[in-house]
Amino acid sequence: MKLIFKYRYEENKYIRICESFKMPYNDIVKKMDYKEYTDYILRNNILNETYLASYIDSSDLSLTEYILKNLNDKDVSYCDIGSQRWEVYIEDKKVDIALIFSEEDDERAYIDREEVAYAMSKWRDFLKREIIDGSYEEIIDTENVYKKEKVEK
């Protein structure tokens, strides 16, 4: 999965945002209702990427550090790491992501715990970085976590 970290200028300041690489937030997305949006991401097989991007985007530095603490603790096999908009649980080696107040039959993303930890660590670094250039963008590929491990071994 690929995610885009970038800045957006709103209300006289830059804010940090995370978007799905395959479904960036644009004028087309703004016009979609929930059903159209869900149908689109399911049809294009990008549910995990869009849910992870939106979950990360809703996480401030404090929450991100809490999430990483739990994701990186191998003794934690189950833990609620949700945000105000997302219901998220560590379930052993997977992370279960769903919209908050979702129904049992609503869509859920199940993502490898290592990929979520990798993306969250990159997000933490991005949140800590001083904004020097408002046009700066960073593309994160969560699959790099596996490539890195192979090189180190």
Protein backbone atom coordinates (compact mmCIF):
# COMPACT_ATOMS: atom_id res chain seq x y z
CA MET A 1 0.00 0.00 0.00
CA LYS A 2 1.13 3.50 -0.72
CA LEU A 3 0.28 6.58 1.29
CA ILE A 4 0.92 10.26 0.64
CA PHE A 5 1.99 12.57 3.46
CA LYS A 6 1.69 16.23 2.59
CA TYR A 7 0.67 19.68 3.77
CA ARG A 8 -2.53 21.54 3.02
CA TYR A 9 -3.02 25.23 3.72
CA GLU A 10 -6.23 25.85 5.67
CA GLU A 11 -7.35 28.77 7.81
CA ASN A 12 -4.01 30.63 7.55
CA LYS A 13 -1.84 27.65 8.47
CA TYR A 14 -0.48 24.42 7.10
CA ILE A 15 -1.92 21.17 8.35
CA ARG A 16 -0.43 17.70 7.88
CA ILE A 17 -2.51 15.17 6.02
CA CYS A 18 -2.26 11.54 4.96
CA GLU A 19 -4.05 10.30 1.84
CA SER A 20 -4.39 7.08 -0.06
CA PHE A 21 -2.09 7.05 -3.10
CA LYS A 22 -4.77 5.36 -5.23
CA MET A 23 -7.63 7.51 -3.91
CA PRO A 24 -6.39 10.99 -2.99
CA TYR A 25 -8.94 13.38 -1.57
CA ASN A 26 -10.06 15.58 -4.45
CA ASP A 27 -13.16 17.20 -5.95
CA ILE A 28 -14.48 13.86 -7.25
CA VAL A 29 -14.28 12.24 -3.82
CA LYS A 30 -15.92 15.28 -2.20
CA LYS A 31 -19.00 14.76 -4.41
CA MET A 32 -19.41 11.05 -3.56
CA ASP A 33 -21.87 9.91 -0.95
CA TYR A 34 -20.86 7.13 1.45
CA LYS A 35 -22.28 4.32 -0.71
CA GLU A 36 -20.60 5.57 -3.90
CA TYR A 37 -17.31 5.94 -2.02
CA THR A 38 -17.52 2.44 -0.52
CA ASP A 39 -18.50 0.88 -3.86
CA TYR A 40 -15.56 2.60 -5.55
CA ILE A 41 -12.93 1.46 -3.03
CA LEU A 42 -14.27 -2.11 -3.01
CA ARG A 43 -14.46 -2.28 -6.82
CA ASN A 44 -10.86 -1.04 -7.06
CA ASN A 45 -9.60 -3.23 -4.20
CA ILE A 46 -8.22 -0.29 -2.20
CA LEU A 47 -10.17 -0.62 1.05
CA ASN A 48 -7.08 -1.33 3.17
CA GLU A 49 -5.15 1.58 1.72
CA THR A 50 -7.96 4.12 2.06
CA TYR A 51 -8.91 3.03 5.58
CA LEU A 52 -5.28 3.05 6.76
CA ALA A 53 -4.68 6.50 5.24
CA SER A 54 -7.76 7.98 6.87
CA TYR A 55 -6.96 6.34 10.22
CA ILE A 56 -3.40 7.70 10.15
CA ASP A 57 -4.71 11.13 9.15
CA SER A 58 -6.93 11.17 12.26
CA SER A 59 -3.97 10.45 14.58
CA ASP A 60 -2.11 13.30 16.26
CA LEU A 61 1.41 12.90 17.66
CA SER A 62 0.28 11.77 21.11
CA LEU A 63 -2.06 9.10 19.74
CA THR A 64 0.52 8.02 17.17
CA GLU A 65 3.08 7.40 19.91
CA TYR A 66 0.52 5.41 21.95
CA ILE A 67 -0.36 3.34 18.87
CA LEU A 68 3.31 2.64 18.10
CA LYS A 69 4.03 1.66 21.71
CA ASN A 70 1.33 -1.02 21.49
CA LEU A 71 2.08 -2.15 17.93
CA ASN A 72 5.77 -2.63 18.73
CA ASP A 73 5.16 -4.47 22.01
CA LYS A 74 5.16 -8.16 21.04
CA ASP A 75 3.46 -9.01 24.36
CA VAL A 76 0.35 -7.08 23.26
CA SER A 77 -1.85 -9.49 21.34
CA TYR A 78 -5.11 -7.53 21.64
CA CYS A 79 -5.53 -3.80 22.21
CA ASP A 80 -7.88 -0.95 21.30
CA ILE A 81 -5.84 1.65 19.37
CA GLY A 82 -8.77 3.52 17.82
CA SER A 83 -9.15 7.23 17.19
CA GLN A 84 -12.16 9.52 17.31
CA ARG A 85 -13.22 8.44 13.81
CA TRP A 86 -11.94 4.87 13.66
CA GLU A 87 -12.51 1.66 15.57
CA VAL A 88 -9.12 -0.08 15.48
CA TYR A 89 -7.87 -3.17 17.28
CA ILE A 90 -4.62 -5.06 17.37
CA GLU A 91 -5.55 -8.69 16.90
CA ASP A 92 -2.32 -10.65 17.20
CA LYS A 93 -0.47 -10.13 13.86
CA LYS A 94 -3.26 -8.13 12.20
CA VAL A 95 -4.84 -4.75 12.77
CA ASP A 96 -8.62 -4.51 12.31
CA ILE A 97 -9.81 -1.08 11.09
CA ALA A 98 -13.46 -0.03 10.76
CA LEU A 99 -15.40 3.20 10.87
CA ILE A 100 -16.47 4.04 14.39
CA PHE A 101 -20.02 2.91 15.18
CA SER A 102 -19.91 0.53 12.21
CA GLU A 103 -22.34 -2.35 11.97
CA GLU A 104 -21.28 -5.98 11.98
CA ASP A 105 -21.72 -6.32 8.22
CA ASP A 106 -19.87 -3.07 7.37
CA GLU A 107 -16.53 -3.25 5.61
CA ARG A 108 -13.40 -3.76 7.70
CA ALA A 109 -9.74 -3.61 6.76
CA TYR A 110 -7.39 -6.28 8.09
CA ILE A 111 -3.78 -5.19 7.68
CA ASP A 112 -0.53 -6.78 8.80
CA ARG A 113 0.56 -5.31 12.10
CA GLU A 114 4.10 -4.69 10.79
CA GLU A 115 2.79 -2.59 7.89
CA VAL A 116 0.65 -0.46 10.19
CA ALA A 117 3.59 0.02 12.58
CA TYR A 118 5.85 1.00 9.66
CA ALA A 119 3.33 3.54 8.33
CA MET A 120 2.69 4.94 11.81
CA SER A 121 6.42 5.36 12.49
CA LYS A 122 6.77 7.29 9.23
CA TRP A 123 3.72 9.40 10.18
CA ARG A 124 5.23 10.15 13.60
CA ASP A 125 8.43 11.35 11.90
CA PHE A 126 6.37 13.48 9.49
CA LEU A 127 4.41 15.04 12.38
CA LYS A 128 7.65 15.93 14.17
CA ARG A 129 9.28 17.45 11.08
CA GLU A 130 9.35 21.22 10.85
CA ILE A 131 7.35 22.62 7.93
CA ILE A 132 9.90 24.29 5.67
CA ASP A 133 8.27 23.82 2.27
CA GLY A 134 4.47 23.77 2.09
CA SER A 135 4.56 21.88 -1.22
CA TYR A 136 6.56 18.98 0.24
CA GLU A 137 5.06 15.50 -0.25
CA GLU A 138 6.29 12.11 0.85
CA ILE A 139 5.12 8.77 -0.56
CA ILE A 140 5.28 5.84 1.85
CA ASP A 141 5.15 2.25 0.62
CA THR A 142 4.22 -0.01 3.52
CA GLU A 143 5.69 -3.03 1.73
CA ASN A 144 9.15 -1.54 2.34
CA VAL A 145 8.94 -3.00 5.84
CA TYR A 146 9.42 -6.47 4.32
CA LYS A 147 12.18 -5.40 1.92
CA LYS A 148 14.12 -3.81 4.76
CA GLU A 149 13.93 -6.98 6.86
CA LYS A 150 15.28 -9.11 4.00
CA VAL A 151 18.25 -6.80 3.52
CA GLU A 152 19.11 -6.77 7.23
CA LYS A 153 19.04 -10.58 7.61
